[in-house]
N, C-alpha and C. Protein backbone atom coordinates (compact mmCIF):
# COMPACT_ATOMS: atom_id res chain seq x y z
N MET A 1 -34.00 39.60 32.76
CA MET A 1 -32.71 39.18 32.31
C MET A 1 -31.97 40.39 31.74
N THR A 2 -30.74 40.55 32.17
CA THR A 2 -29.94 41.68 31.69
C THR A 2 -29.43 41.38 30.30
N LYS A 3 -28.89 42.39 29.66
CA LYS A 3 -28.34 42.23 28.32
C LYS A 3 -27.18 41.22 28.32
N THR A 4 -26.34 41.25 29.38
CA THR A 4 -25.23 40.31 29.51
C THR A 4 -25.75 38.88 29.67
N ASP A 5 -26.76 38.68 30.53
CA ASP A 5 -27.35 37.36 30.72
C ASP A 5 -27.95 36.84 29.42
N HIS A 6 -28.61 37.74 28.68
CA HIS A 6 -29.21 37.35 27.41
C HIS A 6 -28.12 36.90 26.42
N HIS A 7 -26.97 37.61 26.38
CA HIS A 7 -25.87 37.25 25.51
C HIS A 7 -25.29 35.89 25.88
N ARG A 8 -25.13 35.62 27.19
CA ARG A 8 -24.62 34.31 27.63
C ARG A 8 -25.57 33.20 27.21
N ALA A 9 -26.86 33.45 27.35
CA ALA A 9 -27.84 32.44 26.96
C ALA A 9 -27.81 32.21 25.46
N ALA A 10 -27.52 33.26 24.70
CA ALA A 10 -27.50 33.14 23.25
C ALA A 10 -26.28 32.40 22.73
N THR A 11 -25.24 32.23 23.55
CA THR A 11 -24.05 31.52 23.08
C THR A 11 -23.96 30.14 23.71
N ARG A 12 -25.08 29.56 24.03
CA ARG A 12 -25.09 28.20 24.59
C ARG A 12 -24.54 27.21 23.57
N VAL A 13 -24.00 26.13 24.08
CA VAL A 13 -23.38 25.12 23.24
C VAL A 13 -24.20 23.85 23.34
N ARG A 14 -24.47 23.23 22.18
CA ARG A 14 -25.13 21.93 22.15
C ARG A 14 -24.13 20.90 21.62
N SER A 15 -24.12 19.74 22.23
CA SER A 15 -23.23 18.68 21.77
C SER A 15 -23.66 18.25 20.39
N HIS A 16 -22.70 17.96 19.54
CA HIS A 16 -22.99 17.52 18.18
C HIS A 16 -22.36 16.15 17.94
N GLY A 17 -22.17 15.36 19.01
CA GLY A 17 -21.60 14.02 18.88
C GLY A 17 -20.10 14.06 18.74
N GLY A 18 -19.43 13.11 19.35
CA GLY A 18 -17.98 13.01 19.24
C GLY A 18 -17.31 14.28 19.74
N ASN A 19 -16.51 14.89 18.91
CA ASN A 19 -15.82 16.10 19.30
C ASN A 19 -16.38 17.32 18.58
N GLY A 20 -17.61 17.22 18.08
CA GLY A 20 -18.24 18.36 17.42
C GLY A 20 -19.24 19.03 18.34
N GLU A 21 -19.60 20.24 18.00
CA GLU A 21 -20.59 20.95 18.77
C GLU A 21 -21.25 21.98 17.87
N VAL A 22 -22.41 22.45 18.31
CA VAL A 22 -23.11 23.52 17.60
C VAL A 22 -23.23 24.67 18.58
N ARG A 23 -22.82 25.86 18.16
CA ARG A 23 -22.89 27.06 19.00
C ARG A 23 -23.94 28.00 18.45
N ARG A 24 -24.67 28.62 19.35
CA ARG A 24 -25.66 29.61 18.95
C ARG A 24 -25.11 30.99 19.30
N SER A 25 -25.11 31.85 18.33
CA SER A 25 -24.68 33.22 18.56
C SER A 25 -25.75 34.13 17.97
N ARG A 26 -25.49 35.40 17.97
CA ARG A 26 -26.47 36.35 17.44
C ARG A 26 -26.76 36.10 15.97
N SER A 27 -25.78 35.57 15.25
CA SER A 27 -25.97 35.33 13.82
C SER A 27 -26.63 33.98 13.53
N GLY A 28 -26.89 33.16 14.54
CA GLY A 28 -27.54 31.86 14.36
C GLY A 28 -26.66 30.73 14.85
N TRP A 29 -27.07 29.49 14.52
CA TRP A 29 -26.34 28.29 14.93
C TRP A 29 -25.20 28.03 13.96
N THR A 30 -24.02 27.71 14.49
CA THR A 30 -22.87 27.34 13.66
C THR A 30 -22.27 26.06 14.20
N ARG A 31 -21.80 25.21 13.27
CA ARG A 31 -21.18 23.95 13.65
C ARG A 31 -19.67 24.12 13.65
N ARG A 32 -19.01 23.53 14.62
CA ARG A 32 -17.56 23.53 14.63
C ARG A 32 -17.08 22.27 15.32
N ILE A 33 -15.85 21.88 15.01
CA ILE A 33 -15.23 20.72 15.63
C ILE A 33 -14.24 21.24 16.66
N VAL A 34 -14.33 20.70 17.87
CA VAL A 34 -13.46 21.14 18.95
C VAL A 34 -12.56 19.98 19.34
N VAL A 35 -11.27 20.24 19.41
CA VAL A 35 -10.30 19.23 19.81
C VAL A 35 -9.65 19.71 21.09
N GLY A 36 -9.70 18.88 22.13
CA GLY A 36 -9.10 19.27 23.40
C GLY A 36 -9.86 20.42 24.04
N ASP A 37 -9.16 21.32 24.70
CA ASP A 37 -9.78 22.45 25.38
C ASP A 37 -9.89 23.63 24.43
N GLU A 38 -11.01 23.74 23.77
CA GLU A 38 -11.36 24.91 22.96
C GLU A 38 -10.48 25.16 21.75
N PHE A 39 -9.81 24.14 21.20
CA PHE A 39 -9.09 24.32 19.95
C PHE A 39 -10.07 24.04 18.83
N THR A 40 -10.29 24.98 17.95
CA THR A 40 -11.26 24.84 16.87
C THR A 40 -10.56 24.46 15.57
N VAL A 41 -11.10 23.46 14.90
CA VAL A 41 -10.58 23.03 13.61
C VAL A 41 -11.07 24.03 12.55
N PRO A 42 -10.24 24.41 11.60
CA PRO A 42 -10.65 25.36 10.56
C PRO A 42 -11.88 24.89 9.80
N ASP A 43 -12.68 25.86 9.30
CA ASP A 43 -13.91 25.55 8.58
C ASP A 43 -13.69 24.63 7.39
N THR A 44 -12.53 24.71 6.74
CA THR A 44 -12.26 23.86 5.57
C THR A 44 -12.26 22.38 5.91
N LEU A 45 -11.99 22.04 7.17
CA LEU A 45 -11.98 20.63 7.57
C LEU A 45 -13.34 20.15 8.05
N ILE A 46 -14.24 21.06 8.37
CA ILE A 46 -15.54 20.65 8.91
C ILE A 46 -16.31 19.81 7.92
N ALA A 47 -16.21 20.11 6.62
CA ALA A 47 -16.94 19.36 5.61
C ALA A 47 -16.39 17.95 5.44
N GLN A 48 -15.18 17.68 5.87
CA GLN A 48 -14.59 16.36 5.73
C GLN A 48 -15.09 15.44 6.84
N VAL A 49 -15.14 14.17 6.52
CA VAL A 49 -15.51 13.16 7.49
C VAL A 49 -14.26 12.34 7.79
N PHE A 50 -14.00 12.08 9.06
CA PHE A 50 -12.80 11.35 9.46
C PHE A 50 -13.15 9.91 9.83
N HIS A 51 -12.28 9.01 9.42
CA HIS A 51 -12.44 7.58 9.70
C HIS A 51 -11.16 7.06 10.33
N ARG A 52 -11.30 6.00 11.12
CA ARG A 52 -10.14 5.30 11.67
C ARG A 52 -10.04 3.97 10.93
N ALA A 53 -8.91 3.75 10.29
CA ALA A 53 -8.62 2.47 9.65
C ALA A 53 -7.71 1.70 10.60
N LYS A 54 -8.15 0.51 10.96
CA LYS A 54 -7.37 -0.33 11.89
C LYS A 54 -7.04 -1.65 11.19
N VAL A 55 -5.73 -1.91 11.05
CA VAL A 55 -5.25 -3.15 10.45
C VAL A 55 -4.61 -3.97 11.55
N GLN A 56 -5.05 -5.21 11.70
CA GLN A 56 -4.45 -6.08 12.72
C GLN A 56 -4.46 -7.52 12.24
N GLY A 57 -3.54 -8.31 12.78
CA GLY A 57 -3.49 -9.70 12.40
C GLY A 57 -2.24 -10.39 12.88
N THR A 58 -2.00 -11.56 12.31
CA THR A 58 -0.82 -12.35 12.66
C THR A 58 -0.20 -12.94 11.39
N THR A 59 1.08 -13.20 11.49
CA THR A 59 1.78 -13.94 10.45
C THR A 59 2.39 -15.17 11.10
N GLU A 60 2.03 -16.32 10.56
CA GLU A 60 2.54 -17.60 11.05
C GLU A 60 3.60 -18.10 10.07
N PHE A 61 4.77 -18.43 10.58
CA PHE A 61 5.90 -18.88 9.75
C PHE A 61 6.14 -20.38 9.96
N HIS A 62 6.59 -21.02 8.89
CA HIS A 62 7.08 -22.40 8.97
C HIS A 62 8.37 -22.46 8.16
N ASP A 63 9.46 -22.85 8.83
CA ASP A 63 10.77 -22.95 8.19
C ASP A 63 11.17 -24.42 8.18
N TYR A 64 11.11 -25.04 7.01
CA TYR A 64 11.48 -26.45 6.87
C TYR A 64 12.99 -26.61 6.98
N GLU A 65 13.42 -27.58 7.77
CA GLU A 65 14.84 -27.86 7.96
C GLU A 65 15.14 -29.28 7.50
N THR A 66 16.20 -29.45 6.71
CA THR A 66 16.60 -30.80 6.28
C THR A 66 17.32 -31.54 7.41
N ILE A 67 17.99 -30.80 8.28
CA ILE A 67 18.66 -31.39 9.44
C ILE A 67 18.05 -30.74 10.69
N GLY A 68 17.58 -31.57 11.60
CA GLY A 68 16.97 -31.03 12.81
C GLY A 68 15.49 -30.76 12.64
N ASP A 69 14.91 -30.21 13.70
CA ASP A 69 13.47 -29.93 13.70
C ASP A 69 13.14 -28.68 12.88
N ASP A 70 11.96 -28.70 12.27
CA ASP A 70 11.46 -27.51 11.58
C ASP A 70 11.20 -26.42 12.61
N GLU A 71 11.27 -25.17 12.18
CA GLU A 71 10.98 -24.05 13.07
C GLU A 71 9.60 -23.49 12.73
N HIS A 72 8.90 -23.05 13.78
CA HIS A 72 7.54 -22.54 13.61
C HIS A 72 7.35 -21.36 14.55
N GLY A 73 6.76 -20.28 14.08
CA GLY A 73 6.54 -19.11 14.93
C GLY A 73 5.37 -18.27 14.44
N GLU A 74 4.83 -17.44 15.33
CA GLU A 74 3.72 -16.58 14.99
C GLU A 74 3.94 -15.20 15.60
N PHE A 75 3.67 -14.15 14.80
CA PHE A 75 3.92 -12.78 15.22
C PHE A 75 2.74 -11.90 14.83
N GLY A 76 2.39 -10.97 15.70
CA GLY A 76 1.26 -10.09 15.44
C GLY A 76 1.67 -8.74 14.87
N PHE A 77 0.70 -8.09 14.22
CA PHE A 77 0.88 -6.73 13.74
C PHE A 77 -0.40 -5.94 14.01
N LEU A 78 -0.24 -4.63 14.22
CA LEU A 78 -1.37 -3.75 14.51
C LEU A 78 -0.98 -2.33 14.15
N GLN A 79 -1.87 -1.64 13.43
CA GLN A 79 -1.64 -0.24 13.07
C GLN A 79 -2.99 0.44 12.90
N GLU A 80 -3.13 1.66 13.45
CA GLU A 80 -4.32 2.48 13.27
C GLU A 80 -3.93 3.79 12.61
N VAL A 81 -4.74 4.23 11.64
CA VAL A 81 -4.48 5.45 10.89
C VAL A 81 -5.79 6.22 10.78
N VAL A 82 -5.73 7.54 10.92
CA VAL A 82 -6.91 8.39 10.71
C VAL A 82 -6.85 8.93 9.29
N LEU A 83 -7.97 8.75 8.56
CA LEU A 83 -8.10 9.21 7.18
C LEU A 83 -9.25 10.20 7.09
N SER A 84 -9.22 11.05 6.07
CA SER A 84 -10.35 11.95 5.82
C SER A 84 -10.86 11.75 4.41
N THR A 85 -12.14 12.02 4.23
CA THR A 85 -12.74 11.84 2.91
C THR A 85 -12.13 12.78 1.88
N GLY A 86 -11.55 13.86 2.32
CA GLY A 86 -10.92 14.79 1.38
C GLY A 86 -9.44 14.54 1.17
N GLY A 87 -8.92 13.49 1.78
CA GLY A 87 -7.48 13.26 1.74
C GLY A 87 -7.03 12.25 0.70
N PRO A 88 -5.72 12.19 0.47
CA PRO A 88 -5.16 11.25 -0.50
C PRO A 88 -5.03 9.85 0.09
N SER A 89 -4.61 8.91 -0.72
CA SER A 89 -4.32 7.55 -0.26
C SER A 89 -3.18 7.62 0.75
N GLN A 90 -3.28 6.79 1.79
CA GLN A 90 -2.25 6.78 2.83
C GLN A 90 -1.81 5.36 3.11
N GLU A 91 -0.62 5.26 3.67
CA GLU A 91 -0.10 3.96 4.11
C GLU A 91 -0.85 3.55 5.38
N LEU A 92 -1.49 2.39 5.34
CA LEU A 92 -2.20 1.86 6.51
C LEU A 92 -1.29 0.94 7.33
N LEU A 93 -0.40 0.24 6.64
CA LEU A 93 0.53 -0.66 7.34
C LEU A 93 1.72 -0.93 6.44
N ARG A 94 2.90 -0.89 7.03
CA ARG A 94 4.13 -1.37 6.39
C ARG A 94 4.81 -2.21 7.47
N TRP A 95 4.89 -3.52 7.23
CA TRP A 95 5.37 -4.43 8.27
C TRP A 95 6.32 -5.44 7.63
N THR A 96 7.46 -5.64 8.27
CA THR A 96 8.46 -6.61 7.83
C THR A 96 8.88 -7.44 9.03
N LYS A 97 8.96 -8.75 8.83
CA LYS A 97 9.38 -9.63 9.92
C LYS A 97 10.19 -10.79 9.34
N GLY A 98 11.37 -11.02 9.93
CA GLY A 98 12.20 -12.16 9.56
C GLY A 98 11.97 -13.29 10.54
N PHE A 99 12.29 -14.51 10.09
CA PHE A 99 12.10 -15.68 10.95
C PHE A 99 13.06 -16.79 10.56
N GLY A 100 13.55 -17.50 11.57
CA GLY A 100 14.34 -18.70 11.35
C GLY A 100 15.70 -18.46 10.70
N GLY A 101 16.10 -17.21 10.58
CA GLY A 101 17.39 -16.91 9.97
C GLY A 101 17.39 -17.01 8.45
N GLU A 102 16.24 -17.42 7.85
CA GLU A 102 16.20 -17.64 6.41
C GLU A 102 14.96 -17.06 5.72
N GLU A 103 13.95 -16.65 6.48
CA GLU A 103 12.69 -16.22 5.87
C GLU A 103 12.36 -14.78 6.26
N ARG A 104 11.54 -14.16 5.40
CA ARG A 104 11.06 -12.81 5.70
C ARG A 104 9.71 -12.59 5.00
N VAL A 105 8.81 -11.91 5.69
CA VAL A 105 7.54 -11.50 5.10
C VAL A 105 7.48 -9.99 5.12
N GLU A 106 6.98 -9.41 4.04
CA GLU A 106 6.75 -7.97 3.95
C GLU A 106 5.29 -7.74 3.58
N ILE A 107 4.65 -6.83 4.30
CA ILE A 107 3.25 -6.48 4.04
C ILE A 107 3.18 -4.97 3.84
N GLU A 108 2.53 -4.55 2.76
CA GLU A 108 2.29 -3.13 2.50
C GLU A 108 0.80 -2.96 2.18
N ILE A 109 0.13 -2.12 2.98
CA ILE A 109 -1.30 -1.87 2.77
C ILE A 109 -1.50 -0.36 2.68
N ASN A 110 -2.18 0.08 1.62
CA ASN A 110 -2.51 1.49 1.42
C ASN A 110 -4.02 1.61 1.27
N GLY A 111 -4.56 2.78 1.63
CA GLY A 111 -5.99 2.97 1.51
C GLY A 111 -6.39 4.42 1.36
N SER A 112 -7.58 4.61 0.80
CA SER A 112 -8.17 5.94 0.68
C SER A 112 -9.68 5.82 0.85
N LEU A 113 -10.30 6.92 1.28
CA LEU A 113 -11.74 6.93 1.50
C LEU A 113 -12.46 7.51 0.29
N GLN A 114 -13.54 6.85 -0.12
CA GLN A 114 -14.40 7.40 -1.15
C GLN A 114 -15.22 8.52 -0.51
N SER A 115 -15.20 9.69 -1.11
CA SER A 115 -15.87 10.84 -0.49
C SER A 115 -17.39 10.69 -0.48
N ASP A 116 -17.98 9.96 -1.43
CA ASP A 116 -19.43 9.86 -1.48
C ASP A 116 -20.00 8.79 -0.55
N THR A 117 -19.30 7.66 -0.37
CA THR A 117 -19.84 6.56 0.44
C THR A 117 -19.10 6.34 1.76
N GLY A 118 -17.89 6.87 1.89
CA GLY A 118 -17.09 6.62 3.08
C GLY A 118 -16.45 5.25 3.08
N ALA A 119 -16.55 4.52 1.97
CA ALA A 119 -15.92 3.20 1.87
C ALA A 119 -14.40 3.36 1.79
N LEU A 120 -13.69 2.43 2.39
CA LEU A 120 -12.23 2.42 2.38
C LEU A 120 -11.76 1.53 1.23
N VAL A 121 -11.07 2.12 0.27
CA VAL A 121 -10.53 1.38 -0.87
C VAL A 121 -9.10 1.00 -0.50
N VAL A 122 -8.83 -0.31 -0.48
CA VAL A 122 -7.56 -0.84 0.03
C VAL A 122 -6.80 -1.57 -1.06
N SER A 123 -5.49 -1.33 -1.13
CA SER A 123 -4.60 -2.15 -1.96
C SER A 123 -3.57 -2.77 -1.02
N MET A 124 -3.34 -4.06 -1.22
CA MET A 124 -2.45 -4.81 -0.32
C MET A 124 -1.46 -5.62 -1.14
N GLU A 125 -0.20 -5.58 -0.72
CA GLU A 125 0.84 -6.37 -1.36
C GLU A 125 1.61 -7.13 -0.28
N THR A 126 1.76 -8.44 -0.48
CA THR A 126 2.52 -9.27 0.47
C THR A 126 3.62 -10.00 -0.30
N ARG A 127 4.76 -10.17 0.37
CA ARG A 127 5.90 -10.84 -0.25
C ARG A 127 6.53 -11.82 0.76
N PHE A 128 6.95 -12.99 0.26
CA PHE A 128 7.60 -14.01 1.08
C PHE A 128 8.97 -14.30 0.47
N TYR A 129 10.01 -14.10 1.28
CA TYR A 129 11.40 -14.34 0.86
C TYR A 129 11.95 -15.52 1.65
N GLU A 130 12.81 -16.31 1.00
CA GLU A 130 13.50 -17.41 1.68
C GLU A 130 14.86 -17.58 1.02
N GLY A 131 15.89 -17.66 1.85
CA GLY A 131 17.24 -17.80 1.31
C GLY A 131 18.23 -18.10 2.40
N ALA A 132 19.46 -17.66 2.22
CA ALA A 132 20.53 -17.95 3.17
C ALA A 132 20.43 -17.11 4.44
N THR A 133 19.75 -15.93 4.36
CA THR A 133 19.57 -15.07 5.53
C THR A 133 18.18 -14.44 5.48
N GLU A 134 17.79 -13.80 6.58
CA GLU A 134 16.51 -13.08 6.60
C GLU A 134 16.54 -11.85 5.70
N GLY A 135 17.71 -11.38 5.34
CA GLY A 135 17.87 -10.23 4.46
C GLY A 135 17.92 -10.61 2.98
N THR A 136 17.63 -11.85 2.66
CA THR A 136 17.71 -12.33 1.29
C THR A 136 16.84 -11.51 0.33
N THR A 137 17.23 -11.50 -0.93
CA THR A 137 16.42 -10.86 -1.97
C THR A 137 15.73 -11.91 -2.85
N GLU A 138 15.79 -13.17 -2.41
CA GLU A 138 15.17 -14.27 -3.17
C GLU A 138 13.67 -14.32 -2.87
N LEU A 139 12.90 -13.70 -3.74
CA LEU A 139 11.44 -13.67 -3.59
C LEU A 139 10.88 -15.03 -4.00
N GLU A 140 10.21 -15.69 -3.08
CA GLU A 140 9.65 -17.02 -3.32
C GLU A 140 8.18 -16.96 -3.74
N ASP A 141 7.41 -16.00 -3.18
CA ASP A 141 5.98 -15.93 -3.48
C ASP A 141 5.49 -14.53 -3.12
N SER A 142 4.44 -14.10 -3.79
CA SER A 142 3.85 -12.79 -3.48
C SER A 142 2.38 -12.80 -3.87
N ASP A 143 1.64 -11.82 -3.35
CA ASP A 143 0.22 -11.69 -3.66
C ASP A 143 -0.12 -10.20 -3.62
N VAL A 144 -0.94 -9.77 -4.57
CA VAL A 144 -1.41 -8.39 -4.63
C VAL A 144 -2.91 -8.44 -4.82
N PHE A 145 -3.65 -7.67 -4.02
CA PHE A 145 -5.09 -7.60 -4.24
C PHE A 145 -5.64 -6.28 -3.74
N ASN A 146 -6.83 -5.97 -4.23
CA ASN A 146 -7.57 -4.78 -3.84
C ASN A 146 -8.89 -5.20 -3.24
N THR A 147 -9.39 -4.43 -2.29
CA THR A 147 -10.69 -4.69 -1.70
C THR A 147 -11.31 -3.37 -1.26
N VAL A 148 -12.59 -3.42 -0.97
CA VAL A 148 -13.31 -2.24 -0.48
C VAL A 148 -13.96 -2.62 0.85
N VAL A 149 -13.72 -1.79 1.88
CA VAL A 149 -14.31 -2.01 3.20
C VAL A 149 -15.35 -0.91 3.42
N PRO A 150 -16.65 -1.24 3.42
CA PRO A 150 -17.67 -0.23 3.64
C PRO A 150 -17.50 0.45 5.01
N LYS A 151 -18.02 1.68 5.13
CA LYS A 151 -17.88 2.40 6.40
C LYS A 151 -18.54 1.61 7.53
N ASN A 152 -17.91 1.68 8.69
CA ASN A 152 -18.35 1.00 9.91
C ASN A 152 -18.44 -0.51 9.76
N GLN A 153 -17.56 -1.06 8.92
CA GLN A 153 -17.49 -2.51 8.75
C GLN A 153 -16.04 -2.97 8.78
N THR A 154 -15.87 -4.29 8.87
CA THR A 154 -14.55 -4.91 8.92
C THR A 154 -14.46 -5.97 7.84
N SER A 155 -13.30 -6.05 7.20
CA SER A 155 -13.05 -7.06 6.18
C SER A 155 -11.88 -7.92 6.65
N ASN A 156 -12.05 -9.23 6.55
CA ASN A 156 -10.99 -10.17 6.94
C ASN A 156 -10.21 -10.64 5.72
N PHE A 157 -8.95 -11.02 5.94
CA PHE A 157 -8.15 -11.57 4.85
C PHE A 157 -7.29 -12.72 5.37
N SER A 158 -6.96 -13.63 4.46
CA SER A 158 -6.10 -14.77 4.76
C SER A 158 -5.29 -15.07 3.50
N ILE A 159 -3.97 -15.05 3.65
CA ILE A 159 -3.07 -15.22 2.51
C ILE A 159 -2.05 -16.30 2.86
N HIS A 160 -1.85 -17.22 1.96
CA HIS A 160 -0.86 -18.29 2.15
C HIS A 160 0.22 -18.10 1.10
N LEU A 161 1.46 -17.89 1.56
CA LEU A 161 2.61 -17.73 0.68
C LEU A 161 3.57 -18.87 0.95
N ALA A 162 4.16 -19.45 -0.11
CA ALA A 162 5.04 -20.61 0.09
C ALA A 162 6.06 -20.73 -1.03
N ASN A 163 7.06 -21.57 -0.78
CA ASN A 163 7.98 -21.95 -1.83
C ASN A 163 7.80 -23.44 -2.10
N ASP A 164 8.61 -24.00 -2.99
CA ASP A 164 8.47 -25.43 -3.31
C ASP A 164 9.31 -26.32 -2.40
N GLU A 165 9.82 -25.79 -1.29
CA GLU A 165 10.63 -26.56 -0.35
C GLU A 165 9.96 -26.68 1.02
N ASP A 166 8.66 -26.56 1.10
CA ASP A 166 7.88 -26.68 2.34
C ASP A 166 8.10 -25.55 3.33
N ASP A 167 8.59 -24.40 2.88
CA ASP A 167 8.65 -23.20 3.72
C ASP A 167 7.42 -22.38 3.37
N TRP A 168 6.78 -21.79 4.38
CA TRP A 168 5.57 -21.01 4.10
C TRP A 168 5.30 -19.97 5.19
N ALA A 169 4.39 -19.07 4.84
CA ALA A 169 3.90 -18.07 5.79
C ALA A 169 2.40 -17.89 5.54
N LYS A 170 1.63 -17.83 6.60
CA LYS A 170 0.19 -17.56 6.52
C LYS A 170 -0.06 -16.23 7.19
N ILE A 171 -0.67 -15.33 6.45
CA ILE A 171 -0.99 -14.00 6.97
C ILE A 171 -2.50 -13.93 7.12
N ARG A 172 -2.95 -13.69 8.34
CA ARG A 172 -4.39 -13.57 8.63
C ARG A 172 -4.62 -12.25 9.33
N GLY A 173 -5.68 -11.57 8.95
CA GLY A 173 -5.94 -10.30 9.60
C GLY A 173 -7.26 -9.69 9.22
N SER A 174 -7.43 -8.44 9.65
CA SER A 174 -8.65 -7.71 9.35
C SER A 174 -8.33 -6.23 9.17
N ILE A 175 -9.20 -5.57 8.41
CA ILE A 175 -9.12 -4.14 8.20
C ILE A 175 -10.48 -3.56 8.56
N ALA A 176 -10.49 -2.67 9.57
CA ALA A 176 -11.74 -2.05 10.01
C ALA A 176 -11.78 -0.60 9.53
N ASN A 177 -12.98 -0.15 9.16
CA ASN A 177 -13.20 1.22 8.69
C ASN A 177 -14.29 1.84 9.55
N SER A 178 -13.92 2.65 10.54
CA SER A 178 -14.89 3.23 11.47
C SER A 178 -14.94 4.73 11.33
N VAL A 179 -16.16 5.26 11.30
CA VAL A 179 -16.33 6.71 11.31
C VAL A 179 -16.02 7.22 12.71
N ILE A 180 -15.24 8.30 12.78
CA ILE A 180 -14.88 8.87 14.09
C ILE A 180 -15.96 9.86 14.49
């Protein structure tokens, strides 16, 4: 084997799962993350672990009418965000939907990863408005809660918001926390 052949053999690449790899050079084995065709992520990011947070679900509306038939509808939402264990809290979902000309639901979900466990710490706020238009500022009901989604697991939620006039919204969904 020539010196050039020996050098080529010494720089062999071993897969390290996903988009990572381990390269062997004269100085030994080194780990790096490769994105696309040979783009290397800086060493400062290698120590971080990346997760995909996926929020999905539906909001079911019921608009009570004193004259005519009640209105009923269902709408879906979906958002995926990549988080890192070294990163700050991020917005996972901001979703607003009006219905029936008189109702509106707003959902705000934020999350951050615990660096030691990879668990996703989630705060969620939901609001239900009902008034003369979908743009009303008349808040009828709201809910705020926090939850923790362990790594590689999914947490489901179901929230019922209503007023005292038989108008309501049911929000059902899930939050998944997957290691990339």
